[in-house]
PDB file of N, CA and C in Angstrom:
ATOM      1  N   MET A   1     -50.638  38.324 -18.814  1.00  0.00           N
ATOM      2  CA  MET A   1     -49.688  37.970 -19.847  1.00  0.00           C
ATOM      3  C   MET A   1     -50.052  38.750 -21.108  1.00  0.00           C
ATOM      4  N   TYR A   2     -49.048  39.311 -21.776  1.00  0.00           N
ATOM      5  CA  TYR A   2     -49.227  40.069 -23.009  1.00  0.00           C
ATOM      6  C   TYR A   2     -48.457  39.406 -24.139  1.00  0.00           C
ATOM      7  N   LEU A   3     -49.051  39.401 -25.329  1.00  0.00           N
ATOM      8  CA  LEU A   3     -48.458  38.775 -26.504  1.00  0.00           C
ATOM      9  C   LEU A   3     -47.933  39.850 -27.442  1.00  0.00           C
ATOM     10  N   ILE A   4     -46.721  39.660 -27.946  1.00  0.00           N
ATOM     11  CA  ILE A   4     -46.091  40.594 -28.869  1.00  0.00           C
ATOM     12  C   ILE A   4     -46.109  39.975 -30.258  1.00  0.00           C
ATOM     13  N   PHE A   5     -46.592  40.733 -31.247  1.00  0.00           N
ATOM     14  CA  PHE A   5     -46.668  40.233 -32.620  1.00  0.00           C
ATOM     15  C   PHE A   5     -46.555  41.400 -33.584  1.00  0.00           C
ATOM     16  N   ARG A   6     -46.525  41.116 -34.885  1.00  0.00           N
ATOM     17  CA  ARG A   6     -46.412  42.160 -35.905  1.00  0.00           C
ATOM     18  C   ARG A   6     -47.632  42.174 -36.812  1.00  0.00           C
ATOM     19  N   CYS A   7     -47.952  43.359 -37.291  1.00  0.00           N
ATOM     20  CA  CYS A   7     -48.981  43.528 -38.316  1.00  0.00           C
ATOM     21  C   CYS A   7     -48.320  43.265 -39.668  1.00  0.00           C
ATOM     22  N   ASP A   8     -49.118  43.117 -40.705  1.00  0.00           N
ATOM     23  CA  ASP A   8     -48.590  42.944 -42.050  1.00  0.00           C
ATOM     24  C   ASP A   8     -47.827  44.181 -42.526  1.00  0.00           C
ATOM     25  N   CYS A   9     -48.150  45.347 -41.973  1.00  0.00           N
ATOM     26  CA  CYS A   9     -47.456  46.584 -42.349  1.00  0.00           C
ATOM     27  C   CYS A   9     -46.072  46.669 -41.711  1.00  0.00           C
ATOM     28  N   GLY A  10     -45.771  45.799 -40.748  1.00  0.00           N
ATOM     29  CA  GLY A  10     -44.457  45.791 -40.107  1.00  0.00           C
ATOM     30  C   GLY A  10     -44.446  46.345 -38.695  1.00  0.00           C
ATOM     31  N   ARG A  11     -45.510  46.994 -38.287  1.00  0.00           N
ATOM     32  CA  ARG A  11     -45.561  47.574 -36.947  1.00  0.00           C
ATOM     33  C   ARG A  11     -45.698  46.485 -35.890  1.00  0.00           C
ATOM     34  N   ALA A  12     -44.957  46.627 -34.825  1.00  0.00           N
ATOM     35  CA  ALA A  12     -45.039  45.696 -33.703  1.00  0.00           C
ATOM     36  C   ALA A  12     -46.216  46.105 -32.820  1.00  0.00           C
ATOM     37  N   LEU A  13     -46.974  45.127 -32.357  1.00  0.00           N
ATOM     38  CA  LEU A  13     -48.146  45.360 -31.524  1.00  0.00           C
ATOM     39  C   LEU A  13     -48.143  44.411 -30.338  1.00  0.00           C
ATOM     40  N   TYR A  14     -48.958  44.742 -29.329  1.00  0.00           N
ATOM     41  CA  TYR A  14     -49.176  43.806 -28.236  1.00  0.00           C
ATOM     42  C   TYR A  14     -50.649  43.747 -27.909  1.00  0.00           C
ATOM     43  N   ALA A  15     -51.043  42.625 -27.348  1.00  0.00           N
ATOM     44  CA  ALA A  15     -52.424  42.430 -26.911  1.00  0.00           C
ATOM     45  C   ALA A  15     -52.418  41.555 -25.673  1.00  0.00           C
ATOM     46  N   LYS A  16     -53.369  41.804 -24.810  1.00  0.00           N
ATOM     47  CA  LYS A  16     -53.504  40.979 -23.615  1.00  0.00           C
ATOM     48  C   LYS A  16     -53.935  39.583 -24.036  1.00  0.00           C
ATOM     49  N   GLU A  17     -53.387  38.582 -23.372  1.00  0.00           N
ATOM     50  CA  GLU A  17     -53.734  37.199 -23.689  1.00  0.00           C
ATOM     51  C   GLU A  17     -55.240  37.007 -23.530  1.00  0.00           C
ATOM     52  N   GLY A  18     -55.858  36.379 -24.507  1.00  0.00           N
ATOM     53  CA  GLY A  18     -57.290  36.166 -24.489  1.00  0.00           C
ATOM     54  C   GLY A  18     -58.052  37.124 -25.391  1.00  0.00           C
ATOM     55  N   VAL A  19     -57.399  38.195 -25.833  1.00  0.00           N
ATOM     56  CA  VAL A  19     -58.030  39.133 -26.753  1.00  0.00           C
ATOM     57  C   VAL A  19     -58.116  38.471 -28.124  1.00  0.00           C
ATOM     58  N   VAL A  20     -59.261  38.598 -28.781  1.00  0.00           N
ATOM     59  CA  VAL A  20     -59.472  37.936 -30.063  1.00  0.00           C
ATOM     60  C   VAL A  20     -58.931  38.770 -31.212  1.00  0.00           C
ATOM     61  N   ARG A  21     -59.254  40.063 -31.239  1.00  0.00           N
ATOM     62  CA  ARG A  21     -58.829  40.928 -32.337  1.00  0.00           C
ATOM     63  C   ARG A  21     -58.107  42.160 -31.812  1.00  0.00           C
ATOM     64  N   ARG A  22     -57.194  42.677 -32.663  1.00  0.00           N
ATOM     65  CA  ARG A  22     -56.454  43.898 -32.332  1.00  0.00           C
ATOM     66  C   ARG A  22     -56.373  44.720 -33.602  1.00  0.00           C
ATOM     67  N   LYS A  23     -56.611  46.008 -33.510  1.00  0.00           N
ATOM     68  CA  LYS A  23     -56.566  46.880 -34.676  1.00  0.00           C
ATOM     69  C   LYS A  23     -55.252  47.642 -34.684  1.00  0.00           C
ATOM     70  N   CYS A  24     -54.578  47.615 -35.822  1.00  0.00           N
ATOM     71  CA  CYS A  24     -53.312  48.323 -36.005  1.00  0.00           C
ATOM     72  C   CYS A  24     -53.606  49.771 -36.386  1.00  0.00           C
ATOM     73  N   VAL A  25     -52.631  50.643 -36.223  1.00  0.00           N
ATOM     74  CA  VAL A  25     -52.810  52.040 -36.615  1.00  0.00           C
ATOM     75  C   VAL A  25     -52.928  52.186 -38.124  1.00  0.00           C
ATOM     76  N   CYS A  26     -52.506  51.196 -38.896  1.00  0.00           N
ATOM     77  CA  CYS A  26     -52.642  51.248 -40.353  1.00  0.00           C
ATOM     78  C   CYS A  26     -54.087  51.000 -40.777  1.00  0.00           C
ATOM     79  N   GLY A  27     -54.940  50.541 -39.847  1.00  0.00           N
ATOM     80  CA  GLY A  27     -56.345  50.323 -40.136  1.00  0.00           C
ATOM     81  C   GLY A  27     -56.745  48.866 -40.247  1.00  0.00           C
ATOM     82  N   LYS A  28     -55.780  47.974 -40.308  1.00  0.00           N
ATOM     83  CA  LYS A  28     -56.085  46.555 -40.460  1.00  0.00           C
ATOM     84  C   LYS A  28     -56.468  45.939 -39.108  1.00  0.00           C
ATOM     85  N   THR A  29     -57.511  45.126 -39.120  1.00  0.00           N
ATOM     86  CA  THR A  29     -57.923  44.392 -37.930  1.00  0.00           C
ATOM     87  C   THR A  29     -57.326  42.988 -38.015  1.00  0.00           C
ATOM     88  N   LEU A  30     -56.614  42.601 -36.979  1.00  0.00           N
ATOM     89  CA  LEU A  30     -55.898  41.323 -36.961  1.00  0.00           C
ATOM     90  C   LEU A  30     -56.506  40.366 -35.950  1.00  0.00           C
ATOM     91  N   LYS A  31     -56.561  39.111 -36.313  1.00  0.00           N
ATOM     92  CA  LYS A  31     -56.946  38.078 -35.358  1.00  0.00           C
ATOM     93  C   LYS A  31     -55.661  37.634 -34.665  1.00  0.00           C
ATOM     94  N   VAL A  32     -55.589  37.855 -33.379  1.00  0.00           N
ATOM     95  CA  VAL A  32     -54.372  37.595 -32.611  1.00  0.00           C
ATOM     96  C   VAL A  32     -53.975  36.123 -32.694  1.00  0.00           C
ATOM     97  N   LYS A  33     -54.944  35.240 -32.670  1.00  0.00           N
ATOM     98  CA  LYS A  33     -54.687  33.804 -32.686  1.00  0.00           C
ATOM     99  C   LYS A  33     -53.943  33.363 -33.956  1.00  0.00           C
ATOM    100  N   GLU A  34     -54.140  34.093 -35.064  1.00  0.00           N
ATOM    101  CA  GLU A  34     -53.527  33.729 -36.341  1.00  0.00           C
ATOM    102  C   GLU A  34     -52.134  34.334 -36.549  1.00  0.00           C
ATOM    103  N   ARG A  35     -51.713  35.194 -35.641  1.00  0.00           N
ATOM    104  CA  ARG A  35     -50.421  35.869 -35.789  1.00  0.00           C
ATOM    105  C   ARG A  35     -49.303  35.050 -35.159  1.00  0.00           C
ATOM    106  N   ARG A  36     -48.102  35.227 -35.671  1.00  0.00           N
ATOM    107  CA  ARG A  36     -46.912  34.620 -35.071  1.00  0.00           C
ATOM    108  C   ARG A  36     -46.552  35.422 -33.827  1.00  0.00           C
ATOM    109  N   ILE A  37     -46.496  34.775 -32.692  1.00  0.00           N
ATOM    110  CA  ILE A  37     -46.178  35.435 -31.429  1.00  0.00           C
ATOM    111  C   ILE A  37     -44.657  35.451 -31.255  1.00  0.00           C
ATOM    112  N   PHE A  38     -44.090  36.661 -31.159  1.00  0.00           N
ATOM    113  CA  PHE A  38     -42.652  36.798 -31.005  1.00  0.00           C
ATOM    114  C   PHE A  38     -42.206  36.633 -29.567  1.00  0.00           C
ATOM    115  N   LYS A  39     -43.040  37.107 -28.652  1.00  0.00           N
ATOM    116  CA  LYS A  39     -42.640  37.075 -27.251  1.00  0.00           C
ATOM    117  C   LYS A  39     -43.874  37.180 -26.368  1.00  0.00           C
ATOM    118  N   LYS A  40     -43.769  36.646 -25.155  1.00  0.00           N
ATOM    119  CA  LYS A  40     -44.796  36.807 -24.135  1.00  0.00           C
ATOM    120  C   LYS A  40     -44.151  37.501 -22.944  1.00  0.00           C
ATOM    121  N   VAL A  41     -44.831  38.521 -22.417  1.00  0.00           N
ATOM    122  CA  VAL A  41     -44.310  39.255 -21.263  1.00  0.00           C
ATOM    123  C   VAL A  41     -45.389  39.335 -20.193  1.00  0.00           C
ATOM    124  N   GLU A  42     -44.972  39.613 -18.988  1.00  0.00           N
ATOM    125  CA  GLU A  42     -45.873  39.586 -17.832  1.00  0.00           C
ATOM    126  C   GLU A  42     -46.763  40.813 -17.696  1.00  0.00           C
ATOM    127  N   ASN A  43     -46.227  42.011 -17.934  1.00  0.00           N
ATOM    128  CA  ASN A  43     -47.034  43.209 -17.688  1.00  0.00           C
ATOM    129  C   ASN A  43     -46.967  44.191 -18.848  1.00  0.00           C
ATOM    130  N   VAL A  44     -47.810  45.210 -18.792  1.00  0.00           N
ATOM    131  CA  VAL A  44     -47.928  46.168 -19.889  1.00  0.00           C
ATOM    132  C   VAL A  44     -46.665  47.014 -20.051  1.00  0.00           C
ATOM    133  N   MET A  45     -45.951  47.278 -18.988  1.00  0.00           N
ATOM    134  CA  MET A  45     -44.705  48.057 -19.091  1.00  0.00           C
ATOM    135  C   MET A  45     -43.650  47.288 -19.882  1.00  0.00           C
ATOM    136  N   ASP A  46     -43.530  45.999 -19.619  1.00  0.00           N
ATOM    137  CA  ASP A  46     -42.590  45.171 -20.372  1.00  0.00           C
ATOM    138  C   ASP A  46     -43.011  45.064 -21.834  1.00  0.00           C
ATOM    139  N   ALA A  47     -44.305  44.981 -22.070  1.00  0.00           N
ATOM    140  CA  ALA A  47     -44.815  44.909 -23.443  1.00  0.00           C
ATOM    141  C   ALA A  47     -44.478  46.190 -24.196  1.00  0.00           C
ATOM    142  N   SER A  48     -44.689  47.320 -23.580  1.00  0.00           N
ATOM    143  CA  SER A  48     -44.396  48.611 -24.196  1.00  0.00           C
ATOM    144  C   SER A  48     -42.906  48.743 -24.519  1.00  0.00           C
ATOM    145  N   TYR A  49     -42.067  48.352 -23.581  1.00  0.00           N
ATOM    146  CA  TYR A  49     -40.618  48.424 -23.786  1.00  0.00           C
ATOM    147  C   TYR A  49     -40.185  47.487 -24.925  1.00  0.00           C
ATOM    148  N   THR A  50     -40.732  46.297 -24.980  1.00  0.00           N
ATOM    149  CA  THR A  50     -40.401  45.336 -26.036  1.00  0.00           C
ATOM    150  C   THR A  50     -40.812  45.876 -27.400  1.00  0.00           C
ATOM    151  N   ILE A  51     -41.984  46.502 -27.475  1.00  0.00           N
ATOM    152  CA  ILE A  51     -42.452  47.104 -28.723  1.00  0.00           C
ATOM    153  C   ILE A  51     -41.497  48.203 -29.171  1.00  0.00           C
ATOM    154  N   GLN A  52     -41.059  49.043 -28.252  1.00  0.00           N
ATOM    155  CA  GLN A  52     -40.116  50.108 -28.587  1.00  0.00           C
ATOM    156  C   GLN A  52     -38.825  49.538 -29.165  1.00  0.00           C
ATOM    157  N   GLN A  53     -38.318  48.475 -28.552  1.00  0.00           N
ATOM    158  CA  GLN A  53     -37.082  47.856 -29.029  1.00  0.00           C
ATOM    159  C   GLN A  53     -37.263  47.277 -30.429  1.00  0.00           C
ATOM    160  N   MET A  54     -38.387  46.624 -30.678  1.00  0.00           N
ATOM    161  CA  MET A  54     -38.645  46.038 -31.997  1.00  0.00           C
ATOM    162  C   MET A  54     -38.797  47.121 -33.060  1.00  0.00           C
ATOM    163  N   GLN A  55     -39.448  48.232 -32.717  1.00  0.00           N
ATOM    164  CA  GLN A  55     -39.615  49.323 -33.670  1.00  0.00           C
ATOM    165  C   GLN A  55     -38.265  49.968 -33.989  1.00  0.00           C
ATOM    166  N   GLU A  56     -37.389  50.115 -32.992  1.00  0.00           N
ATOM    167  CA  GLU A  56     -36.062  50.683 -33.221  1.00  0.00           C
ATOM    168  C   GLU A  56     -35.221  49.797 -34.130  1.00  0.00           C
ATOM    169  N   GLU A  57     -35.379  48.497 -34.012  1.00  0.00           N
ATOM    170  CA  GLU A  57     -34.648  47.583 -34.891  1.00  0.00           C
ATOM    171  C   GLU A  57     -35.042  47.806 -36.350  1.00  0.00           C
ATOM    172  N   ASN A  58     -36.325  48.037 -36.608  1.00  0.00           N
ATOM    173  CA  ASN A  58     -36.808  48.216 -37.984  1.00  0.00           C
ATOM    174  C   ASN A  58     -36.644  49.633 -38.509  1.00  0.00           C
ATOM    175  N   TYR A  59     -36.938  50.626 -37.680  1.00  0.00           N
ATOM    176  CA  TYR A  59     -37.048  51.996 -38.170  1.00  0.00           C
ATOM    177  C   TYR A  59     -36.026  52.956 -37.587  1.00  0.00           C
ATOM    178  N   GLY A  60     -35.110  52.483 -36.771  1.00  0.00           N
ATOM    179  CA  GLY A  60     -34.159  53.387 -36.145  1.00  0.00           C
ATOM    180  C   GLY A  60     -34.748  54.005 -34.893  1.00  0.00           C
ATOM    181  N   LYS A  61     -34.129  55.086 -34.449  1.00  0.00           N
ATOM    182  CA  LYS A  61     -34.548  55.734 -33.215  1.00  0.00           C
ATOM    183  C   LYS A  61     -35.984  56.227 -33.319  1.00  0.00           C
ATOM    184  N   THR A  62     -36.771  55.904 -32.313  1.00  0.00           N
ATOM    185  CA  THR A  62     -38.147  56.394 -32.242  1.00  0.00           C
ATOM    186  C   THR A  62     -38.230  57.443 -31.154  1.00  0.00           C
ATOM    187  N   GLY A  63     -39.236  58.222 -31.183  1.00  0.00           N
ATOM    188  CA  GLY A  63     -39.429  59.239 -30.151  1.00  0.00           C
ATOM    189  C   GLY A  63     -39.518  60.618 -30.763  1.00  0.00           C
ATOM    190  N   PHE A  64     -39.582  61.602 -29.919  1.00  0.00           N
ATOM    191  CA  PHE A  64     -39.754  62.975 -30.353  1.00  0.00           C
ATOM    192  C   PHE A  64     -38.439  63.718 -30.337  1.00  0.00           C
ATOM    193  N   SER A  65     -38.335  64.716 -31.187  1.00  0.00           N
ATOM    194  CA  SER A  65     -37.178  65.595 -31.234  1.00  0.00           C
ATOM    195  C   SER A  65     -37.653  67.024 -30.982  1.00  0.00           C
ATOM    196  N   THR A  66     -36.781  67.835 -30.439  1.00  0.00           N
ATOM    197  CA  THR A  66     -37.126  69.239 -30.259  1.00  0.00           C
ATOM    198  C   THR A  66     -36.914  69.957 -31.587  1.00  0.00           C
ATOM    199  N   ALA A  67     -37.613  71.051 -31.778  1.00  0.00           N
ATOM    200  CA  ALA A  67     -37.555  71.784 -33.042  1.00  0.00           C
ATOM    201  C   ALA A  67     -36.155  72.307 -33.340  1.00  0.00           C
ATOM    202  N   ASP A  68     -35.403  72.690 -32.318  1.00  0.00           N
ATOM    203  CA  ASP A  68     -34.061  73.228 -32.574  1.00  0.00           C
ATOM    204  C   ASP A  68     -33.062  72.152 -32.994  1.00  0.00           C
ATOM    205  N   SER A  69     -33.384  70.884 -32.822  1.00  0.00           N
ATOM    206  CA  SER A  69     -32.471  69.816 -33.224  1.00  0.00           C
ATOM    207  C   SER A  69     -32.711  69.330 -34.654  1.00  0.00           C
ATOM    208  N   ILE A  70     -33.800  69.810 -35.273  1.00  0.00           N
ATOM    209  CA  ILE A  70     -34.129  69.409 -36.637  1.00  0.00           C
ATOM    210  C   ILE A  70     -33.530  70.429 -37.602  1.00  0.00           C
ATOM    211  N   LYS A  71     -32.849  69.940 -38.623  1.00  0.00           N
ATOM    212  CA  LYS A  71     -32.262  70.834 -39.622  1.00  0.00           C
ATOM    213  C   LYS A  71     -33.236  70.955 -40.789  1.00  0.00           C
ATOM    214  N   PHE A  72     -33.592  72.181 -41.085  1.00  0.00           N
ATOM    215  CA  PHE A  72     -34.515  72.440 -42.185  1.00  0.00           C
ATOM    216  C   PHE A  72     -33.734  72.895 -43.407  1.00  0.00           C
ATOM    217  N   HIS A  73     -34.195  72.495 -44.560  1.00  0.00           N
ATOM    218  CA  HIS A  73     -33.612  72.918 -45.825  1.00  0.00           C
ATOM    219  C   HIS A  73     -34.648  73.742 -46.555  1.00  0.00           C
ATOM    220  N   ARG A  74     -34.328  74.991 -46.822  1.00  0.00           N
ATOM    221  CA  ARG A  74     -35.265  75.846 -47.525  1.00  0.00           C
ATOM    222  C   ARG A  74     -35.206  75.582 -49.011  1.00  0.00           C
ATOM    223  N   ARG A  75     -36.346  75.511 -49.624  1.00  0.00           N
ATOM    224  CA  ARG A  75     -36.428  75.333 -51.064  1.00  0.00           C
ATOM    225  C   ARG A  75     -37.222  76.495 -51.656  1.00  0.00           C
ATOM    226  N   PHE A  76     -36.612  77.166 -52.569  1.00  0.00           N
ATOM    227  CA  PHE A  76     -37.311  78.279 -53.242  1.00  0.00           C
ATOM    228  C   PHE A  76     -37.318  78.075 -54.720  1.00  0.00           C
TER     229      PHE A  76
END
C-alpha cells in the first residue's frame, strides 16, 4: 500500500505504508504520519500515475518537450 500526500511546497509525493520520513526534492524532510493523506493505492505504478495527475492539476502539463517544439525569443 502506498500513501499519497503533499509537501508544504505543493509537490505531490508518495511513500510506502510504514515509512516514517520522506524527503521532498525541495529539501524538506517530512514525517509521513503528520501529513494529510489524499489517497491510498495498491502498487507503485498507481502511485506514480496519481502523482502525475495531481501535479498536472497544479502546474499544467508535465513531461519533456523536444527542442523543435519550444519557441525561443532572442533578446539583444
